[in-house]
Amino acid sequence: MPNPRTRLVLTDAEQAELLRGARILQVASINRDGTPHLVPMWFETDDDGVIVFTTYASSQKVRNLDRDPRITVLAESGVVYNELRGISIDARAEVVRDPQVTARALALIGAKHAGRPRPERTATPPAELPPQAYKRVTVRVHPLRMRTWDHRKLGQ
């Protein structure tokens, strides 16, 4: 007998649409004592389609990811049960300490949250990079396992 949960799975296009519309990504890294460190982050997908967010280089999540790159992220939407949909991704985090990469991530995330079009990719001279690009790092989320659900499909 087929698993009835399979009909709730998001297609690739539905996953992309959810990530485009979601404003907050729940980000879980692993503290030194093994407990989860869970924080909400603004995010976007970069030019390669990889989920990215920026954070201060000295943040707890970066210290955790430097020690153990395992990460789980969650994007979701819906208010009542039959509207809930989401994507949970177990992944390997890549911490990128390049101000050019961070400036691009900041521009992408800023445009998303301001409702502006996605900015063109251009080379920015180091003197023109925003100051926060030197204080922050970019975290790229490389999926290992994904789980998705769409309770709107329950009625179908």
Protein backbone atom coordinates (compact mmCIF):
# COMPACT_ATOMS: atom_id res chain seq x y z
CA MET A 1 0.00 0.00 0.00
CA PRO A 2 1.46 3.40 -0.98
CA ASN A 3 2.35 5.86 1.76
CA PRO A 4 -0.46 8.47 1.92
CA ARG A 5 2.07 11.13 2.98
CA THR A 6 3.69 11.03 -0.48
CA ARG A 7 0.79 13.00 -1.93
CA LEU A 8 1.70 15.90 0.39
CA VAL A 9 5.26 16.23 -0.95
CA LEU A 10 6.15 19.50 -2.65
CA THR A 11 7.35 19.33 -6.24
CA ASP A 12 10.63 21.06 -7.17
CA ALA A 13 8.64 24.00 -8.56
CA GLU A 14 6.54 24.21 -5.37
CA GLN A 15 9.71 24.13 -3.25
CA ALA A 16 11.20 26.99 -5.28
CA GLU A 17 7.97 28.99 -4.95
CA LEU A 18 7.88 28.45 -1.18
CA LEU A 19 11.52 29.58 -0.81
CA ARG A 20 10.85 32.66 -2.98
CA GLY A 21 7.92 33.67 -0.78
CA ALA A 22 9.30 32.78 2.66
CA ARG A 23 10.92 35.65 4.51
CA ILE A 24 12.37 33.80 7.50
CA LEU A 25 14.51 30.67 7.62
CA GLN A 26 14.75 28.81 10.93
CA VAL A 27 18.41 27.81 11.25
CA ALA A 28 19.62 25.11 13.66
CA SER A 29 23.29 24.44 14.36
CA ILE A 30 24.79 22.29 17.13
CA ASN A 31 26.21 23.84 20.29
CA ARG A 32 29.37 22.42 21.86
CA ASP A 33 27.26 20.58 24.48
CA GLY A 34 25.14 18.94 21.74
CA THR A 35 22.03 21.09 22.22
CA PRO A 36 20.49 22.79 19.21
CA HIS A 37 21.09 26.49 18.61
CA LEU A 38 17.98 27.70 16.77
CA VAL A 39 17.64 31.18 15.27
CA PRO A 40 15.49 32.91 12.63
CA MET A 41 17.42 34.40 9.71
CA TRP A 42 16.61 36.36 6.58
CA PHE A 43 17.76 34.42 3.52
CA GLU A 44 17.69 34.11 -0.25
CA THR A 45 18.98 31.75 -2.90
CA ASP A 46 22.22 32.82 -4.54
CA ASP A 47 23.01 32.87 -8.26
CA ASP A 48 23.65 29.10 -8.15
CA GLY A 49 20.28 28.38 -6.48
CA VAL A 50 21.89 27.63 -3.09
CA ILE A 51 20.19 28.95 0.06
CA VAL A 52 22.35 31.65 1.66
CA PHE A 53 22.18 33.87 4.70
CA THR A 54 24.66 36.25 6.29
CA THR A 55 25.62 36.60 9.91
CA TYR A 56 28.33 38.20 12.00
CA ALA A 57 31.61 36.32 11.77
CA SER A 58 31.78 36.08 15.57
CA SER A 59 28.22 34.73 16.02
CA GLN A 60 27.45 31.56 17.94
CA LYS A 61 26.12 29.86 14.80
CA VAL A 62 29.40 30.47 12.96
CA ARG A 63 31.41 29.12 15.90
CA ASN A 64 29.14 26.06 15.87
CA LEU A 65 29.41 25.57 12.10
CA ASP A 66 33.19 25.95 12.15
CA ARG A 67 33.32 23.11 14.66
CA ASP A 68 30.54 20.99 13.08
CA PRO A 69 29.11 21.95 9.66
CA ARG A 70 25.85 20.04 10.14
CA ILE A 71 22.85 22.34 9.89
CA THR A 72 19.09 22.01 9.56
CA VAL A 73 16.98 24.79 8.09
CA LEU A 74 13.21 25.16 7.87
CA ALA A 75 11.05 27.43 5.72
CA GLU A 76 7.30 27.25 6.21
CA SER A 77 4.05 29.05 5.60
CA GLY A 78 0.41 28.81 6.59
CA VAL A 79 -1.65 29.75 9.60
CA VAL A 80 -4.21 26.97 10.01
CA TYR A 81 -3.55 23.23 9.69
CA ASN A 82 -4.92 22.78 6.16
CA GLU A 83 -2.69 25.64 4.89
CA LEU A 84 0.60 24.44 6.39
CA ARG A 85 3.44 23.76 4.00
CA GLY A 86 7.13 23.66 4.48
CA ILE A 87 10.56 22.37 3.64
CA SER A 88 13.05 21.06 6.18
CA ILE A 89 16.60 20.55 4.94
CA ASP A 90 19.37 18.66 6.68
CA ALA A 91 22.54 20.03 5.15
CA ARG A 92 26.22 20.79 5.29
CA ALA A 93 26.97 24.45 5.88
CA GLU A 94 29.77 26.21 4.05
CA VAL A 95 30.96 29.36 5.82
CA VAL A 96 32.34 31.79 3.22
CA ARG A 97 34.58 34.58 4.50
CA ASP A 98 34.80 36.57 1.28
CA PRO A 99 33.47 40.17 1.41
CA GLN A 100 32.54 40.03 -2.32
CA VAL A 101 30.37 36.93 -1.72
CA THR A 102 28.84 38.48 1.39
CA ALA A 103 28.11 41.76 -0.41
CA ARG A 104 26.25 39.79 -3.11
CA ALA A 105 24.28 37.83 -0.51
CA LEU A 106 23.40 41.06 1.31
CA ALA A 107 22.19 42.62 -1.96
CA LEU A 108 20.04 39.58 -2.80
CA ILE A 109 18.53 39.37 0.68
CA GLY A 110 17.98 43.13 0.84
CA ALA A 111 16.17 43.17 -2.51
CA LYS A 112 13.95 40.26 -1.47
CA HIS A 113 12.87 41.91 1.77
CA ALA A 114 12.39 45.34 0.17
CA GLY A 115 10.26 43.86 -2.64
CA ARG A 116 12.76 44.98 -5.28
CA PRO A 117 13.77 42.94 -8.33
CA ARG A 118 16.70 40.60 -7.95
CA PRO A 119 19.86 42.67 -8.60
CA GLU A 120 22.10 41.91 -11.54
CA ARG A 121 25.37 40.19 -10.77
CA THR A 122 28.20 42.68 -11.17
CA ALA A 123 31.76 42.92 -9.91
CA THR A 124 32.01 45.52 -7.15
CA PRO A 125 35.37 47.16 -6.45
CA PRO A 126 36.48 46.47 -2.85
CA ALA A 127 36.31 50.19 -2.00
CA GLU A 128 32.60 50.18 -2.89
CA LEU A 129 31.58 47.13 -0.83
CA PRO A 130 29.22 47.88 2.04
CA PRO A 131 31.04 48.01 5.41
CA GLN A 132 28.95 45.13 6.79
CA ALA A 133 30.42 42.82 4.11
CA TYR A 134 33.67 42.94 6.09
CA LYS A 135 32.02 42.16 9.45
CA ARG A 136 29.74 39.39 8.23
CA VAL A 137 30.17 36.01 6.55
CA THR A 138 27.90 34.12 4.19
CA VAL A 139 26.58 30.67 5.02
CA ARG A 140 25.73 28.48 2.03
CA VAL A 141 23.37 25.56 2.74
CA HIS A 142 24.22 22.37 0.81
CA PRO A 143 21.28 19.91 1.14
CA LEU A 144 21.82 16.31 2.17
CA ARG A 145 18.21 15.34 2.97
CA MET A 146 14.96 17.21 2.38
CA ARG A 147 11.49 16.71 3.78
CA THR A 148 8.54 18.67 2.44
CA TRP A 149 4.82 18.87 3.07
CA ASP A 150 1.79 20.73 1.78
CA HIS A 151 -1.38 20.31 3.83
CA ARG A 152 -3.31 22.21 1.16
CA LYS A 153 -3.19 18.90 -0.74
CA LEU A 154 -5.10 17.07 2.01
CA GLY A 155 -8.43 17.95 0.43
CA GLN A 156 -7.43 16.69 -3.02
